[in-house]
Amino acid sequence: MKTRIALIAIMTFAVGLAGLAFASPTVEDQIKARQSAYTFMGWNMARIRAQVIDNEVEFNADQIRAAANAIAATANSGMSAMYSPESVEGTGWKPTRLKAEFFDELDRVGEIAGNFIQQANALAEVAELGDADAIATQFRATADSCGACHRNYRASE
């Protein structure tokens, strides 16, 4: 039941983002949607990290499962629609940190994004099993794949 509720919430979020992209195709809205999606994934990554890496919060398999499903759903939601060359400059909720090199290396970006999607999907699969050690291992792989894009295509604050 909790998984179903989480899935409905994730689908609603994804549809909302898609609606935003079609309803208001401004660069500012594109950047806001992108920043919102990454903030949402980051919040869910922090929920998992607190439980299986930092051990700051008691392990709760249901919470981790929901967070991992949210990350995978967002990763699979068509994030590439939130990028355009015009979105290298501008402000969404805050100034964008997207580097121009992103559009010069689209093949590499595609490989990095594809790996992130694979790792996020694997995290959701491992979370279903509820094994904290396995989740921690896959969490690290997912975080590393996410960081590959940050290291190459996101400017420092």
N, C-alpha and C. Protein backbone atom coordinates (compact mmCIF):
# COMPACT_ATOMS: atom_id res chain seq x y z
N MET A 1 0.82 -1.19 0.00
CA MET A 1 0.00 0.00 0.00
C MET A 1 0.87 1.26 0.00
N LYS A 2 1.91 1.28 0.85
CA LYS A 2 2.79 2.45 0.91
C LYS A 2 3.50 2.65 -0.42
N THR A 3 3.90 1.54 -1.06
CA THR A 3 4.58 1.64 -2.35
C THR A 3 3.63 2.21 -3.39
N ARG A 4 2.37 1.82 -3.33
CA ARG A 4 1.38 2.33 -4.28
C ARG A 4 1.18 3.83 -4.08
N ILE A 5 1.11 4.26 -2.85
CA ILE A 5 0.95 5.68 -2.56
C ILE A 5 2.18 6.46 -3.04
N ALA A 6 3.36 5.90 -2.79
CA ALA A 6 4.59 6.56 -3.25
C ALA A 6 4.61 6.64 -4.77
N LEU A 7 4.20 5.58 -5.44
CA LEU A 7 4.18 5.57 -6.89
C LEU A 7 3.21 6.62 -7.42
N ILE A 8 2.06 6.74 -6.81
CA ILE A 8 1.09 7.76 -7.23
C ILE A 8 1.67 9.16 -7.03
N ALA A 9 2.33 9.37 -5.90
CA ALA A 9 2.94 10.68 -5.64
C ALA A 9 4.03 10.99 -6.66
N ILE A 10 4.83 10.01 -6.98
CA ILE A 10 5.91 10.21 -7.95
C ILE A 10 5.34 10.49 -9.33
N MET A 11 4.32 9.75 -9.71
CA MET A 11 3.71 9.97 -11.02
C MET A 11 3.08 11.37 -11.09
N THR A 12 2.45 11.79 -10.01
CA THR A 12 1.87 13.13 -9.97
C THR A 12 2.96 14.18 -10.13
N PHE A 13 4.08 13.99 -9.44
CA PHE A 13 5.22 14.91 -9.55
C PHE A 13 5.73 14.96 -10.99
N ALA A 14 5.90 13.80 -11.60
CA ALA A 14 6.42 13.73 -12.96
C ALA A 14 5.47 14.39 -13.95
N VAL A 15 4.18 14.13 -13.80
CA VAL A 15 3.20 14.75 -14.68
C VAL A 15 3.21 16.27 -14.48
N GLY A 16 3.35 16.71 -13.25
CA GLY A 16 3.42 18.14 -12.97
C GLY A 16 4.62 18.78 -13.63
N LEU A 17 5.76 18.10 -13.58
CA LEU A 17 6.95 18.62 -14.24
C LEU A 17 6.77 18.66 -15.75
N ALA A 18 6.17 17.61 -16.29
CA ALA A 18 5.94 17.58 -17.73
C ALA A 18 4.97 18.69 -18.13
N GLY A 19 3.94 18.90 -17.34
CA GLY A 19 2.99 19.97 -17.60
C GLY A 19 3.66 21.33 -17.56
N LEU A 20 4.54 21.52 -16.62
CA LEU A 20 5.28 22.78 -16.52
C LEU A 20 6.11 23.01 -17.77
N ALA A 21 6.75 21.97 -18.24
CA ALA A 21 7.60 22.09 -19.42
C ALA A 21 6.78 22.46 -20.66
N PHE A 22 5.58 21.90 -20.80
CA PHE A 22 4.76 22.19 -21.96
C PHE A 22 3.97 23.49 -21.81
N ALA A 23 3.54 23.80 -20.60
CA ALA A 23 2.70 24.96 -20.38
C ALA A 23 3.50 26.26 -20.40
N SER A 24 4.71 26.23 -19.94
CA SER A 24 5.52 27.45 -19.82
C SER A 24 6.93 27.18 -20.29
N PRO A 25 7.11 27.14 -21.59
CA PRO A 25 8.43 26.75 -22.10
C PRO A 25 9.48 27.86 -22.06
N THR A 26 9.48 28.64 -20.99
CA THR A 26 10.52 29.65 -20.87
C THR A 26 11.79 29.01 -20.32
N VAL A 27 12.90 29.64 -20.57
CA VAL A 27 14.17 29.15 -20.04
C VAL A 27 14.13 29.15 -18.51
N GLU A 28 13.57 30.17 -17.93
CA GLU A 28 13.47 30.24 -16.47
C GLU A 28 12.68 29.05 -15.92
N ASP A 29 11.57 28.71 -16.55
CA ASP A 29 10.78 27.57 -16.10
C ASP A 29 11.52 26.24 -16.31
N GLN A 30 12.26 26.17 -17.40
CA GLN A 30 13.06 24.97 -17.66
C GLN A 30 14.09 24.78 -16.55
N ILE A 31 14.76 25.85 -16.18
CA ILE A 31 15.77 25.78 -15.11
C ILE A 31 15.10 25.45 -13.78
N LYS A 32 13.95 26.06 -13.49
CA LYS A 32 13.23 25.76 -12.24
C LYS A 32 12.84 24.29 -12.17
N ALA A 33 12.33 23.76 -13.27
CA ALA A 33 11.92 22.35 -13.28
C ALA A 33 13.12 21.45 -13.03
N ARG A 34 14.22 21.76 -13.69
CA ARG A 34 15.44 20.97 -13.52
C ARG A 34 15.94 21.04 -12.08
N GLN A 35 16.01 22.25 -11.54
CA GLN A 35 16.46 22.42 -10.17
C GLN A 35 15.53 21.71 -9.19
N SER A 36 14.24 21.77 -9.43
CA SER A 36 13.27 21.10 -8.55
C SER A 36 13.46 19.59 -8.58
N ALA A 37 13.63 19.05 -9.77
CA ALA A 37 13.81 17.60 -9.89
C ALA A 37 15.06 17.13 -9.16
N TYR A 38 16.15 17.88 -9.32
CA TYR A 38 17.39 17.49 -8.64
C TYR A 38 17.30 17.70 -7.13
N THR A 39 16.60 18.72 -6.71
CA THR A 39 16.40 18.92 -5.27
C THR A 39 15.59 17.77 -4.69
N PHE A 40 14.57 17.34 -5.41
CA PHE A 40 13.75 16.22 -4.98
C PHE A 40 14.58 14.94 -4.89
N MET A 41 15.40 14.69 -5.91
CA MET A 41 16.25 13.50 -5.85
C MET A 41 17.26 13.61 -4.72
N GLY A 42 17.85 14.78 -4.55
CA GLY A 42 18.83 14.99 -3.49
C GLY A 42 18.23 14.77 -2.11
N TRP A 43 17.01 15.23 -1.91
CA TRP A 43 16.34 15.04 -0.64
C TRP A 43 16.14 13.56 -0.36
N ASN A 44 15.75 12.81 -1.38
CA ASN A 44 15.57 11.37 -1.22
C ASN A 44 16.90 10.65 -1.04
N MET A 45 17.94 11.10 -1.71
CA MET A 45 19.27 10.51 -1.50
C MET A 45 19.71 10.74 -0.05
N ALA A 46 19.43 11.93 0.47
CA ALA A 46 19.80 12.23 1.87
C ALA A 46 19.06 11.34 2.85
N ARG A 47 17.82 11.01 2.55
CA ARG A 47 17.04 10.11 3.42
C ARG A 47 17.69 8.74 3.50
N ILE A 48 18.16 8.25 2.36
CA ILE A 48 18.81 6.94 2.34
C ILE A 48 20.17 7.04 3.02
N ARG A 49 20.93 8.05 2.68
CA ARG A 49 22.27 8.23 3.26
C ARG A 49 22.22 8.25 4.79
N ALA A 50 21.27 8.97 5.33
CA ALA A 50 21.15 9.10 6.79
C ALA A 50 20.93 7.75 7.46
N GLN A 51 20.32 6.81 6.73
CA GLN A 51 20.00 5.52 7.33
C GLN A 51 21.05 4.44 7.10
N VAL A 52 21.67 4.42 5.92
CA VAL A 52 22.57 3.29 5.63
C VAL A 52 24.04 3.68 5.50
N ILE A 53 24.34 4.95 5.43
CA ILE A 53 25.74 5.38 5.32
C ILE A 53 26.17 6.06 6.62
N ASP A 54 25.44 7.09 7.00
CA ASP A 54 25.80 7.87 8.19
C ASP A 54 25.23 7.28 9.48
N ASN A 55 24.26 6.42 9.35
CA ASN A 55 23.59 5.79 10.50
C ASN A 55 23.10 6.82 11.53
N GLU A 56 22.61 7.95 11.02
CA GLU A 56 22.07 9.01 11.89
C GLU A 56 20.62 8.74 12.25
N VAL A 57 19.96 7.96 11.42
CA VAL A 57 18.54 7.67 11.57
C VAL A 57 18.37 6.16 11.56
N GLU A 58 17.45 5.68 12.36
CA GLU A 58 17.19 4.24 12.41
C GLU A 58 16.76 3.73 11.04
N PHE A 59 17.28 2.57 10.67
CA PHE A 59 16.95 1.96 9.38
C PHE A 59 15.46 1.68 9.29
N ASN A 60 14.85 2.13 8.20
CA ASN A 60 13.43 1.90 7.95
C ASN A 60 13.30 1.50 6.48
N ALA A 61 13.11 0.21 6.24
CA ALA A 61 13.08 -0.32 4.88
C ALA A 61 11.99 0.33 4.03
N ASP A 62 10.85 0.63 4.63
CA ASP A 62 9.77 1.26 3.87
C ASP A 62 10.15 2.66 3.40
N GLN A 63 10.79 3.42 4.27
CA GLN A 63 11.22 4.77 3.89
C GLN A 63 12.28 4.72 2.79
N ILE A 64 13.19 3.80 2.92
CA ILE A 64 14.24 3.67 1.92
C ILE A 64 13.65 3.22 0.59
N ARG A 65 12.74 2.29 0.63
CA ARG A 65 12.08 1.82 -0.59
C ARG A 65 11.38 2.98 -1.29
N ALA A 66 10.65 3.79 -0.52
CA ALA A 66 9.95 4.93 -1.11
C ALA A 66 10.94 5.94 -1.70
N ALA A 67 12.01 6.21 -0.98
CA ALA A 67 13.01 7.16 -1.47
C ALA A 67 13.69 6.64 -2.73
N ALA A 68 14.05 5.38 -2.74
CA ALA A 68 14.72 4.79 -3.90
C ALA A 68 13.78 4.78 -5.11
N ASN A 69 12.51 4.50 -4.89
CA ASN A 69 11.54 4.53 -5.99
C ASN A 69 11.37 5.95 -6.53
N ALA A 70 11.41 6.93 -5.65
CA ALA A 70 11.30 8.33 -6.08
C ALA A 70 12.50 8.73 -6.93
N ILE A 71 13.68 8.31 -6.52
CA ILE A 71 14.90 8.61 -7.28
C ILE A 71 14.84 7.96 -8.66
N ALA A 72 14.48 6.69 -8.70
CA ALA A 72 14.40 5.98 -9.98
C ALA A 72 13.34 6.60 -10.89
N ALA A 73 12.19 6.93 -10.33
CA ALA A 73 11.13 7.52 -11.15
C ALA A 73 11.56 8.85 -11.74
N THR A 74 12.23 9.66 -10.95
CA THR A 74 12.69 10.96 -11.44
C THR A 74 13.79 10.77 -12.49
N ALA A 75 14.70 9.85 -12.24
CA ALA A 75 15.77 9.59 -13.20
C ALA A 75 15.21 9.13 -14.54
N ASN A 76 14.10 8.41 -14.52
CA ASN A 76 13.49 7.87 -15.73
C ASN A 76 12.44 8.78 -16.34
N SER A 77 12.29 9.98 -15.82
CA SER A 77 11.17 10.84 -16.22
C SER A 77 11.41 11.70 -17.46
N GLY A 78 12.52 11.54 -18.12
CA GLY A 78 12.79 12.34 -19.30
C GLY A 78 13.46 13.66 -18.97
N MET A 79 14.41 13.59 -18.07
CA MET A 79 15.10 14.79 -17.60
C MET A 79 15.76 15.58 -18.73
N SER A 80 16.09 14.94 -19.83
CA SER A 80 16.75 15.65 -20.91
C SER A 80 15.91 16.80 -21.46
N ALA A 81 14.60 16.73 -21.29
CA ALA A 81 13.72 17.81 -21.74
C ALA A 81 13.95 19.10 -20.95
N MET A 82 14.64 19.01 -19.84
CA MET A 82 14.88 20.17 -19.00
C MET A 82 16.18 20.89 -19.33
N TYR A 83 16.79 20.51 -20.45
CA TYR A 83 18.05 21.10 -20.87
C TYR A 83 17.92 21.67 -22.27
N SER A 84 18.44 22.86 -22.46
CA SER A 84 18.58 23.46 -23.78
C SER A 84 19.81 24.37 -23.71
N PRO A 85 20.43 24.63 -24.83
CA PRO A 85 21.61 25.52 -24.80
C PRO A 85 21.31 26.87 -24.14
N GLU A 86 20.08 27.33 -24.27
CA GLU A 86 19.72 28.61 -23.65
C GLU A 86 19.71 28.53 -22.13
N SER A 87 19.60 27.34 -21.59
CA SER A 87 19.52 27.19 -20.13
C SER A 87 20.88 27.15 -19.44
N VAL A 88 21.95 27.39 -20.20
CA VAL A 88 23.28 27.47 -19.61
C VAL A 88 23.40 28.74 -18.78
N GLU A 89 22.69 29.76 -19.19
CA GLU A 89 22.67 31.01 -18.45
C GLU A 89 21.23 31.27 -18.00
N GLY A 90 21.09 31.87 -16.87
CA GLY A 90 19.76 32.21 -16.42
C GLY A 90 19.54 31.79 -14.97
N THR A 91 18.36 32.09 -14.51
CA THR A 91 18.01 31.83 -13.13
C THR A 91 16.67 31.12 -13.08
N GLY A 92 16.64 30.07 -12.31
CA GLY A 92 15.39 29.41 -11.99
C GLY A 92 15.03 29.83 -10.59
N TRP A 93 15.15 28.90 -9.65
CA TRP A 93 14.99 29.25 -8.23
C TRP A 93 16.24 29.98 -7.74
N LYS A 94 17.34 29.69 -8.44
CA LYS A 94 18.63 30.33 -8.18
C LYS A 94 19.39 30.27 -9.50
N PRO A 95 20.53 30.94 -9.61
CA PRO A 95 21.27 30.89 -10.87
C PRO A 95 21.65 29.45 -11.23
N THR A 96 21.56 29.14 -12.51
CA THR A 96 21.94 27.81 -12.97
C THR A 96 23.44 27.62 -12.83
N ARG A 97 23.85 26.37 -12.64
CA ARG A 97 25.28 26.04 -12.56
C ARG A 97 25.70 25.14 -13.71
N LEU A 98 24.83 24.99 -14.70
CA LEU A 98 25.12 24.16 -15.86
C LEU A 98 26.26 24.77 -16.68
N LYS A 99 27.26 23.96 -16.96
CA LYS A 99 28.40 24.41 -17.78
C LYS A 99 28.07 24.25 -19.26
N ALA A 100 28.58 25.16 -20.07
CA ALA A 100 28.35 25.12 -21.51
C ALA A 100 28.90 23.84 -22.14
N GLU A 101 29.95 23.26 -21.55
CA GLU A 101 30.55 22.03 -22.08
C GLU A 101 29.54 20.89 -22.19
N PHE A 102 28.50 20.96 -21.40
CA PHE A 102 27.44 19.95 -21.43
C PHE A 102 26.97 19.73 -22.88
N PHE A 103 26.76 20.81 -23.63
CA PHE A 103 26.24 20.70 -24.99
C PHE A 103 27.30 20.40 -26.03
N ASP A 104 28.56 20.51 -25.64
CA ASP A 104 29.66 20.14 -26.54
C ASP A 104 29.98 18.65 -26.46
N GLU A 105 29.50 17.99 -25.44
CA GLU A 105 29.85 16.59 -25.18
C GLU A 105 28.60 15.74 -24.95
N LEU A 106 27.61 15.89 -25.83
CA LEU A 106 26.33 15.22 -25.61
C LEU A 106 26.43 13.69 -25.60
N ASP A 107 27.36 13.12 -26.36
CA ASP A 107 27.53 11.67 -26.31
C ASP A 107 27.98 11.23 -24.92
N ARG A 108 28.94 11.95 -24.37
CA ARG A 108 29.44 11.63 -23.02
C ARG A 108 28.34 11.88 -21.98
N VAL A 109 27.61 12.97 -22.13
CA VAL A 109 26.49 13.26 -21.23
C VAL A 109 25.49 12.11 -21.27
N GLY A 110 25.20 11.63 -22.47
CA GLY A 110 24.27 10.51 -22.61
C GLY A 110 24.74 9.26 -21.91
N GLU A 111 26.04 8.99 -21.99
CA GLU A 111 26.60 7.83 -21.29
C GLU A 111 26.47 7.99 -19.78
N ILE A 112 26.80 9.17 -19.30
CA ILE A 112 26.72 9.43 -17.85
C ILE A 112 25.28 9.34 -17.39
N ALA A 113 24.36 9.93 -18.14
CA ALA A 113 22.95 9.89 -17.77
C ALA A 113 22.42 8.46 -17.81
N GLY A 114 22.81 7.72 -18.84
CA GLY A 114 22.37 6.32 -18.94
C GLY A 114 22.86 5.49 -17.76
N ASN A 115 24.10 5.71 -17.36
CA ASN A 115 24.63 5.00 -16.19
C ASN A 115 23.88 5.39 -14.92
N PHE A 116 23.59 6.68 -14.78
CA PHE A 116 22.84 7.11 -13.60
C PHE A 116 21.47 6.45 -13.56
N ILE A 117 20.78 6.39 -14.68
CA ILE A 117 19.46 5.75 -14.72
C ILE A 117 19.59 4.27 -14.33
N GLN A 118 20.60 3.59 -14.85
CA GLN A 118 20.81 2.18 -14.49
C GLN A 118 21.04 2.02 -12.99
N GLN A 119 21.90 2.88 -12.45
CA GLN A 119 22.22 2.79 -11.02
C GLN A 119 21.00 3.13 -10.15
N ALA A 120 20.23 4.13 -10.56
CA ALA A 120 19.02 4.50 -9.82
C ALA A 120 18.00 3.36 -9.85
N ASN A 121 17.85 2.72 -11.00
CA ASN A 121 16.94 1.58 -11.10
C ASN A 121 17.42 0.42 -10.23
N ALA A 122 18.73 0.20 -10.22
CA ALA A 122 19.29 -0.86 -9.38
C ALA A 122 19.08 -0.54 -7.90
N LEU A 123 19.19 0.73 -7.53
CA LEU A 123 18.94 1.11 -6.14
C LEU A 123 17.51 0.78 -5.74
N ALA A 124 16.56 1.07 -6.61
CA ALA A 124 15.16 0.74 -6.32
C ALA A 124 14.97 -0.77 -6.18
N GLU A 125 15.64 -1.54 -7.03
CA GLU A 125 15.54 -3.00 -6.96
C GLU A 125 16.13 -3.53 -5.66
N VAL A 126 17.29 -3.04 -5.29
CA VAL A 126 17.95 -3.49 -4.06
C VAL A 126 17.14 -3.06 -2.84
N ALA A 127 16.56 -1.88 -2.90
CA ALA A 127 15.76 -1.39 -1.76
C ALA A 127 14.56 -2.29 -1.51
N GLU A 128 14.03 -2.90 -2.54
CA GLU A 128 12.90 -3.83 -2.37
C GLU A 128 13.28 -5.01 -1.48
N LEU A 129 14.55 -5.38 -1.46
CA LEU A 129 15.00 -6.52 -0.67
C LEU A 129 15.17 -6.18 0.80
N GLY A 130 15.39 -4.90 1.10
CA GLY A 130 15.48 -4.46 2.49
C GLY A 130 16.78 -4.77 3.22
N ASP A 131 17.82 -5.13 2.50
CA ASP A 131 19.11 -5.45 3.11
C ASP A 131 19.94 -4.17 3.21
N ALA A 132 20.18 -3.69 4.41
CA ALA A 132 20.86 -2.41 4.62
C ALA A 132 22.25 -2.37 3.99
N ASP A 133 23.01 -3.45 4.11
CA ASP A 133 24.36 -3.46 3.53
C ASP A 133 24.32 -3.39 2.00
N ALA A 134 23.41 -4.14 1.40
CA ALA A 134 23.28 -4.11 -0.07
C ALA A 134 22.80 -2.75 -0.53
N ILE A 135 21.89 -2.15 0.22
CA ILE A 135 21.42 -0.80 -0.12
C ILE A 135 22.56 0.19 -0.03
N ALA A 136 23.37 0.09 1.00
CA ALA A 136 24.50 1.00 1.16
C ALA A 136 25.47 0.89 -0.01
N THR A 137 25.75 -0.33 -0.44
CA THR A 137 26.65 -0.54 -1.57
C THR A 137 26.08 0.07 -2.84
N GLN A 138 24.80 -0.18 -3.10
CA GLN A 138 24.19 0.37 -4.31
C GLN A 138 23.99 1.88 -4.20
N PHE A 139 23.75 2.37 -3.00
CA PHE A 139 23.63 3.81 -2.80
C PHE A 139 24.93 4.49 -3.24
N ARG A 140 26.06 3.93 -2.82
CA ARG A 140 27.35 4.52 -3.19
C ARG A 140 27.54 4.54 -4.71
N ALA A 141 27.14 3.46 -5.37
CA ALA A 141 27.26 3.40 -6.84
C ALA A 141 26.35 4.44 -7.49
N THR A 142 25.16 4.60 -6.94
CA THR A 142 24.22 5.59 -7.48
C THR A 142 24.75 7.00 -7.26
N ALA A 143 25.22 7.27 -6.06
CA ALA A 143 25.76 8.60 -5.76
C ALA A 143 26.97 8.91 -6.64
N ASP A 144 27.82 7.92 -6.87
CA ASP A 144 28.99 8.13 -7.73
C ASP A 144 28.56 8.43 -9.16
N SER A 145 27.55 7.73 -9.65
CA SER A 145 27.09 7.98 -11.03
C SER A 145 26.45 9.36 -11.15
N CYS A 146 25.78 9.80 -10.11
CA CYS A 146 25.20 11.14 -10.07
C CYS A 146 26.33 12.18 -10.04
N GLY A 147 27.32 11.92 -9.24
CA GLY A 147 28.45 12.83 -9.11
C GLY A 147 29.26 12.97 -10.39
N ALA A 148 29.23 11.97 -11.25
CA ALA A 148 29.98 12.06 -12.51
C ALA A 148 29.51 13.24 -13.34
N CYS A 149 28.22 13.48 -13.34
CA CYS A 149 27.71 14.64 -14.07
C CYS A 149 28.09 15.93 -13.35
N HIS A 150 27.96 15.93 -12.04
CA HIS A 150 28.32 17.12 -11.25
C HIS A 150 29.77 17.50 -11.49
N ARG A 151 30.65 16.51 -11.44
CA ARG A 151 32.08 16.79 -11.58
C ARG A 151 32.42 17.39 -12.94
N ASN A 152 31.68 17.00 -13.96
CA ASN A 152 32.00 17.44 -15.32
C ASN A 152 31.19 18.62 -15.82
N TYR A 153 29.94 18.74 -15.38
CA TYR A 153 29.05 19.69 -16.03
C TYR A 153 28.31 20.65 -15.09
N ARG A 154 28.67 20.66 -13.82
CA ARG A 154 28.05 21.59 -12.89
C ARG A 154 29.13 22.46 -12.27
N ALA A 155 28.93 23.76 -12.39
CA ALA A 155 29.90 24.71 -11.81
C ALA A 155 29.72 24.76 -10.30
N SER A 156 30.78 25.08 -9.60
CA SER A 156 30.73 25.23 -8.15
C SER A 156 29.93 26.47 -7.81
N GLU A 157 29.37 26.48 -6.61
CA GLU A 157 28.65 27.67 -6.15
C GLU A 157 29.62 28.72 -5.72
